[in-house]
C-alpha atoms as a PDB file:
ATOM      1  CA  MET A   1     -72.308  38.900  66.051  1.00  0.00           C
ATOM      2  CA  ARG A   2     -70.022  40.941  68.105  1.00  0.00           C
ATOM      3  CA  GLN A   3     -67.510  38.016  68.391  1.00  0.00           C
ATOM      4  CA  SER A   4     -67.533  37.551  64.592  1.00  0.00           C
ATOM      5  CA  ILE A   5     -66.745  41.572  64.025  1.00  0.00           C
ATOM      6  CA  ILE A   6     -63.943  41.156  66.674  1.00  0.00           C
ATOM      7  CA  LYS A   7     -62.349  38.238  64.745  1.00  0.00           C
ATOM      8  CA  HIS A   8     -62.812  40.010  61.530  1.00  0.00           C
ATOM      9  CA  HIS A   9     -60.925  43.146  62.956  1.00  0.00           C
ATOM     10  CA  HIS A  10     -58.368  40.938  64.289  1.00  0.00           C
ATOM     11  CA  LYS A  11     -57.709  39.270  60.879  1.00  0.00           C
ATOM     12  CA  ILE A  12     -57.692  42.783  59.243  1.00  0.00           C
ATOM     13  CA  SER A  13     -55.141  43.887  61.675  1.00  0.00           C
ATOM     14  CA  TRP A  14     -52.750  41.183  61.067  1.00  0.00           C
ATOM     15  CA  LEU A  15     -53.184  41.643  57.223  1.00  0.00           C
ATOM     16  CA  VAL A  16     -52.276  45.356  57.396  1.00  0.00           C
ATOM     17  CA  LEU A  17     -49.469  44.578  59.758  1.00  0.00           C
ATOM     18  CA  ALA A  18     -48.078  41.865  57.338  1.00  0.00           C
ATOM     19  CA  MET A  19     -48.453  44.301  54.430  1.00  0.00           C
ATOM     20  CA  GLY A  20     -46.653  47.131  56.299  1.00  0.00           C
ATOM     21  CA  CYS A  21     -43.759  44.854  56.861  1.00  0.00           C
ATOM     22  CA  TYR A  22     -43.698  43.552  53.514  1.00  0.00           C
ATOM     23  CA  PHE A  23     -43.745  47.137  51.953  1.00  0.00           C
ATOM     24  CA  ASN A  24     -41.218  48.442  54.523  1.00  0.00           C
ATOM     25  CA  MET A  25     -38.645  45.927  53.348  1.00  0.00           C
ATOM     26  CA  GLY A  26     -38.161  47.651  49.997  1.00  0.00           C
ATOM     27  CA  CYS A  27     -37.241  50.712  52.167  1.00  0.00           C
ATOM     28  CA  ALA A  28     -34.183  49.140  53.704  1.00  0.00           C
ATOM     29  CA  PRO A  29     -30.675  50.579  52.661  1.00  0.00           C
ATOM     30  CA  ILE A  30     -28.792  48.460  50.182  1.00  0.00           C
ATOM     31  CA  TYR A  31     -25.302  47.939  51.089  1.00  0.00           C
ATOM     32  CA  ARG A  32     -22.496  47.632  48.479  1.00  0.00           C
ATOM     33  CA  THR A  33     -18.859  47.283  48.855  1.00  0.00           C
ATOM     34  CA  HIS A  34     -16.671  48.964  46.450  1.00  0.00           C
ATOM     35  CA  TYR A  35     -12.955  48.272  46.101  1.00  0.00           C
ATOM     36  CA  SER A  36     -10.411  50.676  44.901  1.00  0.00           C
ATOM     37  CA  PHE A  37      -6.742  49.426  44.426  1.00  0.00           C
ATOM     38  CA  THR A  38      -3.913  51.657  44.271  1.00  0.00           C
ATOM     39  CA  PRO A  39      -0.354  50.303  43.413  1.00  0.00           C
ATOM     40  CA  PRO A  40       2.245  50.187  46.053  1.00  0.00           C
ATOM     41  CA  PRO A  41       4.362  53.449  46.086  1.00  0.00           C
ATOM     42  CA  THR A  42       7.783  51.672  46.692  1.00  0.00           C
ATOM     43  CA  ALA A  43       9.537  49.603  43.999  1.00  0.00           C
ATOM     44  CA  GLU A  44       9.758  46.517  46.175  1.00  0.00           C
ATOM     45  CA  GLY A  45       5.935  46.895  46.664  1.00  0.00           C
ATOM     46  CA  LYS A  46       5.351  47.095  42.911  1.00  0.00           C
ATOM     47  CA  ILE A  47       7.576  43.814  42.584  1.00  0.00           C
ATOM     48  CA  CYS A  48       5.401  42.200  45.238  1.00  0.00           C
ATOM     49  CA  ALA A  49       2.183  43.133  43.457  1.00  0.00           C
ATOM     50  CA  SER A  50       3.466  42.152  40.233  1.00  0.00           C
ATOM     51  CA  GLN A  51       4.546  38.741  41.429  1.00  0.00           C
ATOM     52  CA  CYS A  52       1.130  38.216  43.250  1.00  0.00           C
ATOM     53  CA  ASN A  53      -0.635  39.068  40.040  1.00  0.00           C
ATOM     54  CA  SER A  54       1.465  36.554  38.254  1.00  0.00           C
ATOM     55  CA  ASP A  55       0.958  33.870  40.830  1.00  0.00           C
ATOM     56  CA  GLN A  56      -2.864  34.619  40.616  1.00  0.00           C
ATOM     57  CA  LEU A  57      -2.724  34.223  36.876  1.00  0.00           C
ATOM     58  CA  HIS A  58      -0.706  30.938  37.000  1.00  0.00           C
ATOM     59  CA  CYS A  59      -3.141  29.601  39.622  1.00  0.00           C
ATOM     60  CA  LYS A  60      -6.215  30.364  37.579  1.00  0.00           C
ATOM     61  CA  GLN A  61      -4.598  28.784  34.568  1.00  0.00           C
ATOM     62  CA  MET A  62      -3.823  25.680  36.457  1.00  0.00           C
ATOM     63  CA  GLU A  63      -7.495  25.570  37.864  1.00  0.00           C
ATOM     64  CA  ASP A  64      -8.836  25.876  34.250  1.00  0.00           C
ATOM     65  CA  LEU A  65      -6.227  23.032  33.190  1.00  0.00           C
ATOM     66  CA  ILE A  66      -7.412  20.809  35.914  1.00  0.00           C
ATOM     67  CA  TYR A  67     -11.188  21.372  35.263  1.00  0.00           C
ATOM     68  CA  GLU A  68     -10.583  20.590  31.565  1.00  0.00           C
ATOM     69  CA  THR A  69      -8.682  17.494  32.417  1.00  0.00           C
ATOM     70  CA  CYS A  70     -11.453  16.219  34.663  1.00  0.00           C
ATOM     71  CA  GLN A  71     -14.011  16.874  32.064  1.00  0.00           C
ATOM     72  CA  LEU A  72     -12.077  14.947  29.396  1.00  0.00           C
ATOM     73  CA  ARG A  73     -11.665  12.180  31.823  1.00  0.00           C
ATOM     74  CA  SER A  74     -15.388  12.147  32.668  1.00  0.00           C
ATOM     75  CA  GLU A  75     -16.364  12.177  28.994  1.00  0.00           C
ATOM     76  CA  ARG A  76     -13.716   9.215  28.130  1.00  0.00           C
ATOM     77  CA  ALA A  77     -15.229   7.136  30.966  1.00  0.00           C
ATOM     78  CA  TYR A  78     -18.631   7.860  29.821  1.00  0.00           C
ATOM     79  CA  HIS A  79     -17.862   6.564  26.212  1.00  0.00           C
ATOM     80  CA  TYR A  80     -15.828   3.631  27.471  1.00  0.00           C
ATOM     81  CA  ASN A  81     -18.920   2.602  29.717  1.00  0.00           C
ATOM     82  CA  ARG A  82     -21.172   2.949  26.808  1.00  0.00           C
ATOM     83  CA  ILE A  83     -18.930   0.693  24.545  1.00  0.00           C
ATOM     84  CA  CYS A  84     -18.556  -1.877  27.249  1.00  0.00           C
ATOM     85  CA  ASN A  85     -22.385  -1.898  27.920  1.00  0.00           C
ATOM     86  CA  TYR A  86     -22.988  -2.189  24.195  1.00  0.00           C
ATOM     87  CA  ASP A  87     -20.554  -5.138  23.892  1.00  0.00           C
ATOM     88  CA  LYS A  88     -22.046  -6.856  26.901  1.00  0.00           C
ATOM     89  CA  LYS A  89     -25.656  -6.244  25.551  1.00  0.00           C
ATOM     90  CA  HIS A  90     -24.598  -7.442  22.014  1.00  0.00           C
ATOM     91  CA  ARG A  91     -22.922 -10.744  23.478  1.00  0.00           C
ATOM     92  CA  GLU A  92     -26.083 -11.289  25.636  1.00  0.00           C
ATOM     93  CA  ASP A  93     -28.176 -10.945  22.606  1.00  0.00           C
ATOM     94  CA  LYS A  94     -26.061 -13.428  20.561  1.00  0.00           C
ATOM     95  CA  LYS A  95     -26.220 -15.906  23.297  1.00  0.00           C
ATOM     96  CA  HIS A  96     -30.193 -15.321  23.529  1.00  0.00           C
ATOM     97  CA  ARG A  97     -30.340 -15.845  19.734  1.00  0.00           C
ATOM     98  CA  ALA A  98     -28.300 -18.967  19.798  1.00  0.00           C
ATOM     99  CA  ILE A  99     -30.503 -20.572  22.512  1.00  0.00           C
ATOM    100  CA  PHE A 100     -33.726 -19.226  21.115  1.00  0.00           C
ATOM    101  CA  PRO A 101     -33.139 -18.799  17.378  1.00  0.00           C
ATOM    102  CA  ASN A 102     -36.810 -18.420  16.545  1.00  0.00           C
ATOM    103  CA  ILE A 103     -37.589 -15.620  18.914  1.00  0.00           C
END
């Protein structure tokens, strides 16, 4: 009987410890990073920042164009393969009907 009580007490202790850890996780600090950008003070710095912004925009546009091109190629390949497979199946069906006309 005493051994059963000790095992039960041991299980409860672990449960309480696990629940305590679980609930304490919600008390952990939440870290966030905030960025604040200020323009450079010199004319050269402003030109550099403007050029960087322009290059970044160009890069993003190229990325979008490459993605769209890839998608179009993929769609064309899909449709081409469907047509080829349809033609192949259609030829096989015609051949099958020529060999076995009553089926």
